[in-house]
Each structure stands twice: as C-alpha cells, then as structure tokens.
PDB file of N, CA and C in Angstrom:
ATOM      1  N   MET A   1      77.490 110.355 110.230  1.00  0.00           N
ATOM      2  CA  MET A   1      78.638 111.226 110.089  1.00  0.00           C
ATOM      3  C   MET A   1      78.836 111.972 111.391  1.00  0.00           C
ATOM      4  N   LEU A   2      80.049 112.079 111.793  1.00  0.00           N
ATOM      5  CA  LEU A   2      80.419 112.822 112.982  1.00  0.00           C
ATOM      6  C   LEU A   2      80.837 114.218 112.541  1.00  0.00           C
ATOM      7  N   ALA A   3      80.212 115.245 113.079  1.00  0.00           N
ATOM      8  CA  ALA A   3      80.576 116.634 112.763  1.00  0.00           C
ATOM      9  C   ALA A   3      81.243 117.240 113.993  1.00  0.00           C
ATOM     10  N   LEU A   4      82.446 117.790 113.796  1.00  0.00           N
ATOM     11  CA  LEU A   4      83.218 118.364 114.902  1.00  0.00           C
ATOM     12  C   LEU A   4      83.522 119.826 114.625  1.00  0.00           C
ATOM     13  N   THR A   5      83.634 120.607 115.673  1.00  0.00           N
ATOM     14  CA  THR A   5      84.062 121.989 115.555  1.00  0.00           C
ATOM     15  C   THR A   5      85.499 122.072 116.038  1.00  0.00           C
ATOM     16  N   ARG A   6      86.355 122.679 115.241  1.00  0.00           N
ATOM     17  CA  ARG A   6      87.775 122.818 115.586  1.00  0.00           C
ATOM     18  C   ARG A   6      88.184 124.258 115.338  1.00  0.00           C
ATOM     19  N   LYS A   7      89.099 124.762 116.149  1.00  0.00           N
ATOM     20  CA  LYS A   7      89.691 126.076 115.934  1.00  0.00           C
ATOM     21  C   LYS A   7      91.011 125.879 115.194  1.00  0.00           C
ATOM     22  N   ARG A   8      91.528 126.971 114.597  1.00  0.00           N
ATOM     23  CA  ARG A   8      92.785 126.906 113.883  1.00  0.00           C
ATOM     24  C   ARG A   8      93.868 126.304 114.780  1.00  0.00           C
ATOM     25  N   GLY A   9      94.592 125.319 114.211  1.00  0.00           N
ATOM     26  CA  GLY A   9      95.660 124.664 114.950  1.00  0.00           C
ATOM     27  C   GLY A   9      95.212 123.440 115.736  1.00  0.00           C
ATOM     28  N   GLU A  10      93.918 123.245 115.883  1.00  0.00           N
ATOM     29  CA  GLU A  10      93.417 122.069 116.595  1.00  0.00           C
ATOM     30  C   GLU A  10      93.281 120.907 115.618  1.00  0.00           C
ATOM     31  N   SER A  11      93.238 119.700 116.165  1.00  0.00           N
ATOM     32  CA  SER A  11      93.195 118.533 115.295  1.00  0.00           C
ATOM     33  C   SER A  11      92.277 117.465 115.849  1.00  0.00           C
ATOM     34  N   ILE A  12      92.082 116.448 115.016  1.00  0.00           N
ATOM     35  CA  ILE A  12      91.368 115.242 115.440  1.00  0.00           C
ATOM     36  C   ILE A  12      92.252 114.051 115.074  1.00  0.00           C
ATOM     37  N   ILE A  13      92.073 112.963 115.783  1.00  0.00           N
ATOM     38  CA  ILE A  13      92.832 111.744 115.530  1.00  0.00           C
ATOM     39  C   ILE A  13      91.855 110.678 115.034  1.00  0.00           C
ATOM     40  N   ILE A  14      92.250 109.966 113.968  1.00  0.00           N
ATOM     41  CA  ILE A  14      91.414 108.905 113.405  1.00  0.00           C
ATOM     42  C   ILE A  14      92.180 107.594 113.515  1.00  0.00           C
ATOM     43  N   GLY A  15      91.578 106.626 114.166  1.00  0.00           N
ATOM     44  CA  GLY A  15      92.171 105.297 114.263  1.00  0.00           C
ATOM     45  C   GLY A  15      93.514 105.255 114.974  1.00  0.00           C
ATOM     46  N   GLY A  16      93.837 106.260 115.743  1.00  0.00           N
ATOM     47  CA  GLY A  16      95.082 106.276 116.482  1.00  0.00           C
ATOM     48  C   GLY A  16      96.316 106.542 115.635  1.00  0.00           C
ATOM     49  N   GLU A  17      96.162 106.640 114.316  1.00  0.00           N
ATOM     50  CA  GLU A  17      97.311 106.815 113.428  1.00  0.00           C
ATOM     51  C   GLU A  17      97.230 108.058 112.560  1.00  0.00           C
ATOM     52  N   ILE A  18      96.046 108.546 112.309  1.00  0.00           N
ATOM     53  CA  ILE A  18      95.866 109.648 111.362  1.00  0.00           C
ATOM     54  C   ILE A  18      95.445 110.893 112.134  1.00  0.00           C
ATOM     55  N   GLU A  19      96.163 111.993 111.879  1.00  0.00           N
ATOM     56  CA  GLU A  19      95.827 113.259 112.519  1.00  0.00           C
ATOM     57  C   GLU A  19      95.403 114.240 111.437  1.00  0.00           C
ATOM     58  N   VAL A  20      94.242 114.867 111.632  1.00  0.00           N
ATOM     59  CA  VAL A  20      93.728 115.883 110.716  1.00  0.00           C
ATOM     60  C   VAL A  20      93.760 117.210 111.467  1.00  0.00           C
ATOM     61  N   ILE A  21      94.496 118.189 110.926  1.00  0.00           N
ATOM     62  CA  ILE A  21      94.725 119.460 111.593  1.00  0.00           C
ATOM     63  C   ILE A  21      94.062 120.571 110.792  1.00  0.00           C
ATOM     64  N   LEU A  22      93.326 121.450 111.473  1.00  0.00           N
ATOM     65  CA  LEU A  22      92.747 122.623 110.816  1.00  0.00           C
ATOM     66  C   LEU A  22      93.832 123.695 110.771  1.00  0.00           C
ATOM     67  N   ILE A  23      94.248 124.053 109.566  1.00  0.00           N
ATOM     68  CA  ILE A  23      95.346 125.015 109.412  1.00  0.00           C
ATOM     69  C   ILE A  23      94.800 126.433 109.307  1.00  0.00           C
ATOM     70  N   THR A  24      93.918 126.677 108.346  1.00  0.00           N
ATOM     71  CA  THR A  24      93.296 127.999 108.192  1.00  0.00           C
ATOM     72  C   THR A  24      91.865 127.826 107.724  1.00  0.00           C
ATOM     73  N   THR A  25      91.085 128.872 107.928  1.00  0.00           N
ATOM     74  CA  THR A  25      89.716 128.879 107.407  1.00  0.00           C
ATOM     75  C   THR A  25      89.514 130.147 106.605  1.00  0.00           C
ATOM     76  N   GLY A  26      88.658 130.034 105.626  1.00  0.00           N
ATOM     77  CA  GLY A  26      88.320 131.180 104.798  1.00  0.00           C
ATOM     78  C   GLY A  26      86.808 131.266 104.679  1.00  0.00           C
ATOM     79  N   ARG A  27      86.356 132.121 103.809  1.00  0.00           N
ATOM     80  CA  ARG A  27      84.919 132.320 103.638  1.00  0.00           C
ATOM     81  C   ARG A  27      84.252 131.062 103.071  1.00  0.00           C
ATOM     82  N   GLU A  28      84.876 130.436 102.069  1.00  0.00           N
ATOM     83  CA  GLU A  28      84.277 129.284 101.390  1.00  0.00           C
ATOM     84  C   GLU A  28      85.063 127.991 101.549  1.00  0.00           C
ATOM     85  N   SER A  29      86.188 128.033 102.258  1.00  0.00           N
ATOM     86  CA  SER A  29      86.994 126.834 102.347  1.00  0.00           C
ATOM     87  C   SER A  29      87.773 126.783 103.653  1.00  0.00           C
ATOM     88  N   ALA A  30      88.316 125.612 103.900  1.00  0.00           N
ATOM     89  CA  ALA A  30      89.187 125.417 105.061  1.00  0.00           C
ATOM     90  C   ALA A  30      90.417 124.663 104.564  1.00  0.00           C
ATOM     91  N   LYS A  31      91.561 125.022 105.084  1.00  0.00           N
ATOM     92  CA  LYS A  31      92.791 124.324 104.723  1.00  0.00           C
ATOM     93  C   LYS A  31      93.113 123.373 105.870  1.00  0.00           C
ATOM     94  N   ILE A  32      93.261 122.087 105.521  1.00  0.00           N
ATOM     95  CA  ILE A  32      93.560 121.083 106.540  1.00  0.00           C
ATOM     96  C   ILE A  32      94.868 120.395 106.208  1.00  0.00           C
ATOM     97  N   GLY A  33      95.489 119.854 107.232  1.00  0.00           N
ATOM     98  CA  GLY A  33      96.685 119.050 107.042  1.00  0.00           C
ATOM     99  C   GLY A  33      96.382 117.649 107.521  1.00  0.00           C
ATOM    100  N   VAL A  34      96.995 116.672 106.883  1.00  0.00           N
ATOM    101  CA  VAL A  34      96.775 115.278 107.267  1.00  0.00           C
ATOM    102  C   VAL A  34      98.133 114.636 107.532  1.00  0.00           C
ATOM    103  N   LYS A  35      98.294 114.103 108.733  1.00  0.00           N
ATOM    104  CA  LYS A  35      99.490 113.332 109.067  1.00  0.00           C
ATOM    105  C   LYS A  35      99.065 111.876 109.156  1.00  0.00           C
ATOM    106  N   ALA A  36      99.663 111.050 108.290  1.00  0.00           N
ATOM    107  CA  ALA A  36      99.307 109.629 108.260  1.00  0.00           C
ATOM    108  C   ALA A  36     100.569 108.819 107.975  1.00  0.00           C
ATOM    109  N   PRO A  37     100.583 107.563 108.415  1.00  0.00           N
ATOM    110  CA  PRO A  37     101.726 106.699 108.079  1.00  0.00           C
ATOM    111  C   PRO A  37     101.844 106.552 106.569  1.00  0.00           C
ATOM    112  N   ARG A  38     103.055 106.271 106.095  1.00  0.00           N
ATOM    113  CA  ARG A  38     103.301 106.157 104.655  1.00  0.00           C
ATOM    114  C   ARG A  38     102.451 105.085 103.974  1.00  0.00           C
ATOM    115  N   HIS A  39     102.091 104.032 104.692  1.00  0.00           N
ATOM    116  CA  HIS A  39     101.331 102.944 104.073  1.00  0.00           C
ATOM    117  C   HIS A  39      99.856 103.283 103.886  1.00  0.00           C
ATOM    118  N   ILE A  40      99.424 104.418 104.400  1.00  0.00           N
ATOM    119  CA  ILE A  40      98.023 104.834 104.237  1.00  0.00           C
ATOM    120  C   ILE A  40      97.956 105.903 103.159  1.00  0.00           C
ATOM    121  N   ARG A  41      97.200 105.622 102.125  1.00  0.00           N
ATOM    122  CA  ARG A  41      97.058 106.561 101.012  1.00  0.00           C
ATOM    123  C   ARG A  41      96.036 107.626 101.388  1.00  0.00           C
ATOM    124  N   VAL A  42      96.365 108.873 101.119  1.00  0.00           N
ATOM    125  CA  VAL A  42      95.459 109.994 101.400  1.00  0.00           C
ATOM    126  C   VAL A  42      95.209 110.717 100.081  1.00  0.00           C
ATOM    127  N   ASP A  43      93.946 110.769  99.649  1.00  0.00           N
ATOM    128  CA  ASP A  43      93.559 111.442  98.408  1.00  0.00           C
ATOM    129  C   ASP A  43      92.406 112.401  98.675  1.00  0.00           C
ATOM    130  N   ARG A  44      92.302 113.417  97.825  1.00  0.00           N
ATOM    131  CA  ARG A  44      91.085 114.233  97.836  1.00  0.00           C
ATOM    132  C   ARG A  44      89.951 113.346  97.321  1.00  0.00           C
ATOM    133  N   LYS A  45      88.732 113.580  97.796  1.00  0.00           N
ATOM    134  CA  LYS A  45      87.616 112.710  97.432  1.00  0.00           C
ATOM    135  C   LYS A  45      87.377 112.675  95.933  1.00  0.00           C
ATOM    136  N   GLU A  46      87.464 113.830  95.258  1.00  0.00           N
ATOM    137  CA  GLU A  46      87.209 113.838  93.812  1.00  0.00           C
ATOM    138  C   GLU A  46      88.250 113.010  93.061  1.00  0.00           C
ATOM    139  N   LEU A  47      89.490 113.014  93.520  1.00  0.00           N
ATOM    140  CA  LEU A  47      90.524 112.184  92.894  1.00  0.00           C
ATOM    141  C   LEU A  47      90.270 110.713  93.194  1.00  0.00           C
ATOM    142  N   HIS A  48      89.903 110.406  94.426  1.00  0.00           N
ATOM    143  CA  HIS A  48      89.576 109.026  94.810  1.00  0.00           C
ATOM    144  C   HIS A  48      88.428 108.491  93.953  1.00  0.00           C
ATOM    145  N   ASP A  49      87.385 109.299  93.792  1.00  0.00           N
ATOM    146  CA  ASP A  49      86.238 108.881  92.977  1.00  0.00           C
ATOM    147  C   ASP A  49      86.645 108.622  91.528  1.00  0.00           C
ATOM    148  N   GLN A  50      87.526 109.460  90.984  1.00  0.00           N
ATOM    149  CA  GLN A  50      87.992 109.283  89.600  1.00  0.00           C
ATOM    150  C   GLN A  50      88.791 107.988  89.480  1.00  0.00           C
ATOM    151  N   ILE A  51      89.670 107.730  90.428  1.00  0.00           N
ATOM    152  CA  ILE A  51      90.477 106.504  90.401  1.00  0.00           C
ATOM    153  C   ILE A  51      89.570 105.277  90.479  1.00  0.00           C
ATOM    154  N   MET A  52      88.589 105.313  91.362  1.00  0.00           N
ATOM    155  CA  MET A  52      87.671 104.181  91.513  1.00  0.00           C
ATOM    156  C   MET A  52      86.870 103.950  90.227  1.00  0.00           C
ATOM    157  N   ALA A  53      86.431 105.029  89.574  1.00  0.00           N
ATOM    158  CA  ALA A  53      85.678 104.899  88.321  1.00  0.00           C
ATOM    159  C   ALA A  53      86.559 104.280  87.235  1.00  0.00           C
ATOM    160  N   GLU A  54      87.822 104.717  87.150  1.00  0.00           N
ATOM    161  CA  GLU A  54      88.737 104.159  86.152  1.00  0.00           C
ATOM    162  C   GLU A  54      89.021 102.686  86.439  1.00  0.00           C
ATOM    163  N   ASN A  55      89.183 102.344  87.709  1.00  0.00           N
ATOM    164  CA  ASN A  55      89.409 100.939  88.068  1.00  0.00           C
ATOM    165  C   ASN A  55      88.207 100.080  87.700  1.00  0.00           C
ATOM    166  N   LYS A  56      87.015 100.593  87.965  1.00  0.00           N
ATOM    167  CA  LYS A  56      85.798  99.854  87.650  1.00  0.00           C
ATOM    168  C   LYS A  56      85.669  99.669  86.135  1.00  0.00           C
ATOM    169  N   GLU A  57      85.993 100.709  85.386  1.00  0.00           N
ATOM    170  CA  GLU A  57      85.924 100.639  83.924  1.00  0.00           C
ATOM    171  C   GLU A  57      86.925  99.616  83.390  1.00  0.00           C
ATOM    172  N   GLY A  58      88.136  99.631  83.935  1.00  0.00           N
ATOM    173  CA  GLY A  58      89.168  98.694  83.496  1.00  0.00           C
ATOM    174  C   GLY A  58      88.840  97.264  83.876  1.00  0.00           C
ATOM    175  N   ALA A  59      88.165  97.077  84.990  1.00  0.00           N
ATOM    176  CA  ALA A  59      87.822  95.732  85.444  1.00  0.00           C
ATOM    177  C   ALA A  59      86.687  95.133  84.621  1.00  0.00           C
ATOM    178  N   GLY A  60      85.950  95.946  83.920  1.00  0.00           N
ATOM    179  CA  GLY A  60      84.805  95.459  83.160  1.00  0.00           C
ATOM    180  C   GLY A  60      85.145  95.114  81.729  1.00  0.00           C
ATOM    181  N   MET A  61      86.290  94.487  81.495  1.00  0.00           N
ATOM    182  CA  MET A  61      86.654  94.105  80.129  1.00  0.00           C
ATOM    183  C   MET A  61      85.586  93.191  79.534  1.00  0.00           C
ATOM    184  N   ASP A  62      85.432  93.298  78.280  1.00  0.00           N
ATOM    185  CA  ASP A  62      84.475  92.490  77.536  1.00  0.00           C
ATOM    186  C   ASP A  62      84.829  91.004  77.665  1.00  0.00           C
ATOM    187  N   ARG A  63      83.848  90.177  78.007  1.00  0.00           N
ATOM    188  CA  ARG A  63      84.082  88.733  78.176  1.00  0.00           C
ATOM    189  C   ARG A  63      84.630  88.097  76.894  1.00  0.00           C
ATOM    190  N   ALA A  64      84.112  88.521  75.760  1.00  0.00           N
ATOM    191  CA  ALA A  64      84.582  87.960  74.491  1.00  0.00           C
ATOM    192  C   ALA A  64      86.056  88.295  74.281  1.00  0.00           C
ATOM    193  N   ALA A  65      86.450  89.518  74.642  1.00  0.00           N
ATOM    194  CA  ALA A  65      87.858  89.908  74.499  1.00  0.00           C
ATOM    195  C   ALA A  65      88.730  89.069  75.429  1.00  0.00           C
ATOM    196  N   LEU A  66      88.263  88.823  76.646  1.00  0.00           N
ATOM    197  CA  LEU A  66      89.023  87.998  77.588  1.00  0.00           C
ATOM    198  C   LEU A  66      89.154  86.564  77.087  1.00  0.00           C
ATOM    199  N   LYS A  67      88.055  86.010  76.532  1.00  0.00           N
ATOM    200  CA  LYS A  67      88.112  84.653  75.992  1.00  0.00           C
ATOM    201  C   LYS A  67      89.086  84.568  74.829  1.00  0.00           C
ATOM    202  N   GLY A  68      89.059  85.593  73.962  1.00  0.00           N
ATOM    203  CA  GLY A  68      89.980  85.624  72.827  1.00  0.00           C
ATOM    204  C   GLY A  68      91.427  85.697  73.287  1.00  0.00           C
ATOM    205  N   LEU A  69      91.686  86.504  74.296  1.00  0.00           N
ATOM    206  CA  LEU A  69      93.039  86.614  74.834  1.00  0.00           C
ATOM    207  C   LEU A  69      93.480  85.290  75.442  1.00  0.00           C
ATOM    208  N   ARG A  70      92.590  84.650  76.177  1.00  0.00           N
ATOM    209  CA  ARG A  70      92.904  83.349  76.788  1.00  0.00           C
ATOM    210  C   ARG A  70      93.218  82.308  75.699  1.00  0.00           C
ATOM    211  N   ARG A  71      92.388  82.279  74.665  1.00  0.00           N
ATOM    212  CA  ARG A  71      92.591  81.333  73.572  1.00  0.00           C
ATOM    213  C   ARG A  71      93.941  81.567  72.901  1.00  0.00           C
ATOM    214  N   LYS A  72      94.268  82.828  72.651  1.00  0.00           N
ATOM    215  CA  LYS A  72      95.533  83.154  71.995  1.00  0.00           C
ATOM    216  C   LYS A  72      96.716  82.724  72.867  1.00  0.00           C
ATOM    217  N   LEU A  73      96.647  82.987  74.163  1.00  0.00           N
ATOM    218  CA  LEU A  73      97.730  82.589  75.065  1.00  0.00           C
ATOM    219  C   LEU A  73      97.896  81.078  75.103  1.00  0.00           C
ATOM    220  N   LEU A  74      96.773  80.350  75.133  1.00  0.00           N
ATOM    221  CA  LEU A  74      96.838  78.888  75.126  1.00  0.00           C
ATOM    222  C   LEU A  74      97.444  78.368  73.833  1.00  0.00           C
ATOM    223  N   GLU A  75      97.047  78.952  72.705  1.00  0.00           N
ATOM    224  CA  GLU A  75      97.606  78.530  71.414  1.00  0.00           C
ATOM    225  C   GLU A  75      99.111  78.768  71.360  1.00  0.00           C
ATOM    226  N   GLU A  76      99.556  79.918  71.863  1.00  0.00           N
ATOM    227  CA  GLU A  76     100.984  80.222  71.868  1.00  0.00           C
ATOM    228  C   GLU A  76     101.733  79.254  72.775  1.00  0.00           C
ATOM    229  N   ALA A  77     101.164  78.924  73.925  1.00  0.00           N
ATOM    230  CA  ALA A  77     101.809  77.985  74.845  1.00  0.00           C
ATOM    231  C   ALA A  77     101.890  76.596  74.214  1.00  0.00           C
ATOM    232  N   MET A  78     100.814  76.175  73.550  1.00  0.00           N
ATOM    233  CA  MET A  78     100.811  74.866  72.904  1.00  0.00           C
ATOM    234  C   MET A  78     101.838  74.815  71.769  1.00  0.00           C
ATOM    235  N   ALA A  79     101.938  75.893  71.010  1.00  0.00           N
ATOM    236  CA  ALA A  79     102.916  75.941  69.912  1.00  0.00           C
ATOM    237  C   ALA A  79     104.339  75.877  70.468  1.00  0.00           C
ATOM    238  N   ALA A  80     104.586  76.563  71.576  1.00  0.00           N
ATOM    239  CA  ALA A  80     105.922  76.524  72.190  1.00  0.00           C
ATOM    240  C   ALA A  80     106.223  75.122  72.703  1.00  0.00           C
ATOM    241  N   ASP A  81     105.234  74.468  73.299  1.00  0.00           N
ATOM    242  CA  ASP A  81     105.419  73.091  73.771  1.00  0.00           C
ATOM    243  C   ASP A  81     105.723  72.152  72.601  1.00  0.00           C
ATOM    244  N   GLN A  82     104.983  72.295  71.513  1.00  0.00           N
ATOM    245  CA  GLN A  82     105.188  71.442  70.343  1.00  0.00           C
ATOM    246  C   GLN A  82     106.573  71.657  69.753  1.00  0.00           C
ATOM    247  N   LYS A  83     107.024  72.906  69.715  1.00  0.00           N
ATOM    248  CA  LYS A  83     108.359  73.202  69.200  1.00  0.00           C
ATOM    249  C   LYS A  83     109.423  72.539  70.077  1.00  0.00           C
ATOM    250  N   ALA A  84     109.242  72.599  71.398  1.00  0.00           N
ATOM    251  CA  ALA A  84     110.205  71.977  72.314  1.00  0.00           C
ATOM    252  C   ALA A  84     110.236  70.462  72.117  1.00  0.00           C
ATOM    253  N   ILE A  85     109.061  69.864  71.907  1.00  0.00           N
ATOM    254  CA  ILE A  85     108.995  68.414  71.670  1.00  0.00           C
ATOM    255  C   ILE A  85     109.741  68.051  70.388  1.00  0.00           C
ATOM    256  N   GLU A  86     109.512  68.816  69.313  1.00  0.00           N
ATOM    257  CA  GLU A  86     110.179  68.549  68.042  1.00  0.00           C
ATOM    258  C   GLU A  86     111.695  68.715  68.172  1.00  0.00           C
ATOM    259  N   GLU A  87     112.134  69.713  68.928  1.00  0.00           N
ATOM    260  CA  GLU A  87     113.570  69.916  69.124  1.00  0.00           C
ATOM    261  C   GLU A  87     114.183  68.750  69.893  1.00  0.00           C
ATOM    262  N   LYS A  88     113.482  68.241  70.886  1.00  0.00           N
ATOM    263  CA  LYS A  88     113.976  67.087  71.651  1.00  0.00           C
ATOM    264  C   LYS A  88     114.044  65.840  70.773  1.00  0.00           C
ATOM    265  N   LYS A  89     113.029  65.639  69.938  1.00  0.00           N
ATOM    266  CA  LYS A  89     113.036  64.490  69.020  1.00  0.00           C
ATOM    267  C   LYS A  89     114.227  64.575  68.070  1.00  0.00           C
ATOM    268  N   ALA A  90     114.473  65.769  67.540  1.00  0.00           N
ATOM    269  CA  ALA A  90     115.587  65.950  66.601  1.00  0.00           C
ATOM    270  C   ALA A  90     116.915  65.716  67.302  1.00  0.00           C
ATOM    271  N   ALA A  91     117.055  66.204  68.533  1.00  0.00           N
ATOM    272  CA  ALA A  91     118.296  65.999  69.286  1.00  0.00           C
ATOM    273  C   ALA A  91     118.495  64.521  69.591  1.00  0.00           C
ATOM    274  N   ARG A  92     117.418  63.823  69.942  1.00  0.00           N
ATOM    275  CA  ARG A  92     117.502  62.389  70.234  1.00  0.00           C
ATOM    276  C   ARG A  92     117.904  61.620  68.978  1.00  0.00           C
ATOM    277  N   ALA A  93     117.297  61.933  67.835  1.00  0.00           N
ATOM    278  CA  ALA A  93     117.622  61.254  66.570  1.00  0.00           C
ATOM    279  C   ALA A  93     119.078  61.514  66.189  1.00  0.00           C
ATOM    280  N   GLU A  94     119.531  62.734  66.412  1.00  0.00           N
ATOM    281  CA  GLU A  94     120.935  63.067  66.111  1.00  0.00           C
ATOM    282  C   GLU A  94     121.880  62.275  67.011  1.00  0.00           C
ATOM    283  N   TYR A  95     121.517  62.155  68.272  1.00  0.00           N
ATOM    284  CA  TYR A  95     122.349  61.395  69.221  1.00  0.00           C
ATOM    285  C   TYR A  95     122.408  59.923  68.807  1.00  0.00           C
ATOM    286  N   ILE A  96     121.261  59.342  68.474  1.00  0.00           N
ATOM    287  CA  ILE A  96     121.206  57.930  68.062  1.00  0.00           C
ATOM    288  C   ILE A  96     122.023  57.724  66.792  1.00  0.00           C
ATOM    289  N   ALA A  97     121.927  58.663  65.860  1.00  0.00           N
ATOM    290  CA  ALA A  97     122.704  58.562  64.612  1.00  0.00           C
ATOM    291  C   ALA A  97     124.192  58.641  64.910  1.00  0.00           C
ATOM    292  N   SER A  98     124.576  59.467  65.864  1.00  0.00           N
ATOM    293  CA  SER A  98     126.011  59.573  66.191  1.00  0.00           C
ATOM    294  C   SER A  98     126.517  58.301  66.847  1.00  0.00           C
ATOM    295  N   LEU A  99     125.652  57.611  67.586  1.00  0.00           N
ATOM    296  CA  LEU A  99     126.064  56.344  68.217  1.00  0.00           C
ATOM    297  C   LEU A  99     126.299  55.263  67.163  1.00  0.00           C
ATOM    298  N   SER A 100     125.440  55.224  66.152  1.00  0.00           N
ATOM    299  CA  SER A 100     125.563  54.175  65.136  1.00  0.00           C
ATOM    300  C   SER A 100     126.706  54.446  64.161  1.00  0.00           C
ATOM    301  N   SER A 101     127.173  55.660  64.083  1.00  0.00           N
ATOM    302  CA  SER A 101     128.258  55.981  63.149  1.00  0.00           C
ATOM    303  C   SER A 101     129.635  55.843  63.800  1.00  0.00           C
ATOM    304  N   LYS A 102     129.694  55.660  65.112  1.00  0.00           N
ATOM    305  CA  LYS A 102     130.980  55.489  65.808  1.00  0.00           C
ATOM    306  C   LYS A 102     131.481  54.060  65.583  1.00  0.00           C
ATOM    307  N   PRO A 103     132.814  53.923  65.376  1.00  0.00           N
ATOM    308  CA  PRO A 103     133.367  52.560  65.263  1.00  0.00           C
ATOM    309  C   PRO A 103     133.307  51.871  66.619  1.00  0.00           C
ATOM    310  N   GLN A 104     132.990  50.620  66.623  1.00  0.00           N
ATOM    311  CA  GLN A 104     132.878  49.885  67.864  1.00  0.00           C
ATOM    312  C   GLN A 104     134.166  49.145  68.176  1.00  0.00           C
ATOM    313  N   ASP A 105     134.559  49.123  69.419  1.00  0.00           N
ATOM    314  CA  ASP A 105     135.751  48.395  69.854  1.00  0.00           C
ATOM    315  C   ASP A 105     135.353  46.971  70.166  1.00  0.00           C
ATOM    316  N   ASP A 106     136.144  46.001  69.694  1.00  0.00           N
ATOM    317  CA  ASP A 106     135.847  44.582  69.979  1.00  0.00           C
ATOM    318  C   ASP A 106     136.702  44.062  71.084  1.00  0.00           C
TER     319      ASP A 106
END
C-alpha cells in the first residue's frame, strides 16, 4: 500500500485518469473528491463489498435448481417444436385436400 500525505486542496492521480482530491479533514474523517471518467465506477468500499457479496450469493445457485430450469426450458422448446410440426402437417393436408377437390381442366 502506498501512503501519501496531502494538504487540503491537493490531489493524487491514479492511472492518468482518476484524480483524488483532499477536500477537508476532521478529527476522525477526511472528505475526498474523486474525478473519474464516466465508464469507471466509483463506490465506497463497504458498498462495493456488499455488491460483491450479493453477486457471489446470486452466482451460487443450487445445481439441482439449474438442472430443473434447464429441463423445463428444453421441454417447453420441444413442445413448441412439436406444435409447429403438427401445424405444418395440418396445413399440408389441407392444401392437398384442396387440390383434390378442385375440378380439373381437360
């Protein structure tokens, strides 16, 4: 860890893009400002830690639940495919029936 001493109004630059400015100091705290490009997310550490914990918890879904979800999605896809096949068969049979019922020109 790099420890720096800064006076009020002084700053440090991180990676050429992020500026951290010491705004005020108090007995138990310091107020800092952070200037960063919009694409760089800046969070307080406690918020970052909470977000990471929630992400880790969400990523650890139960394998059995994932398998069940996969099975259900596959069954629904297969049922939709079967329905489409049956609809095509019915349309084809209807078309063939319409051909045989038309009078033929000699």
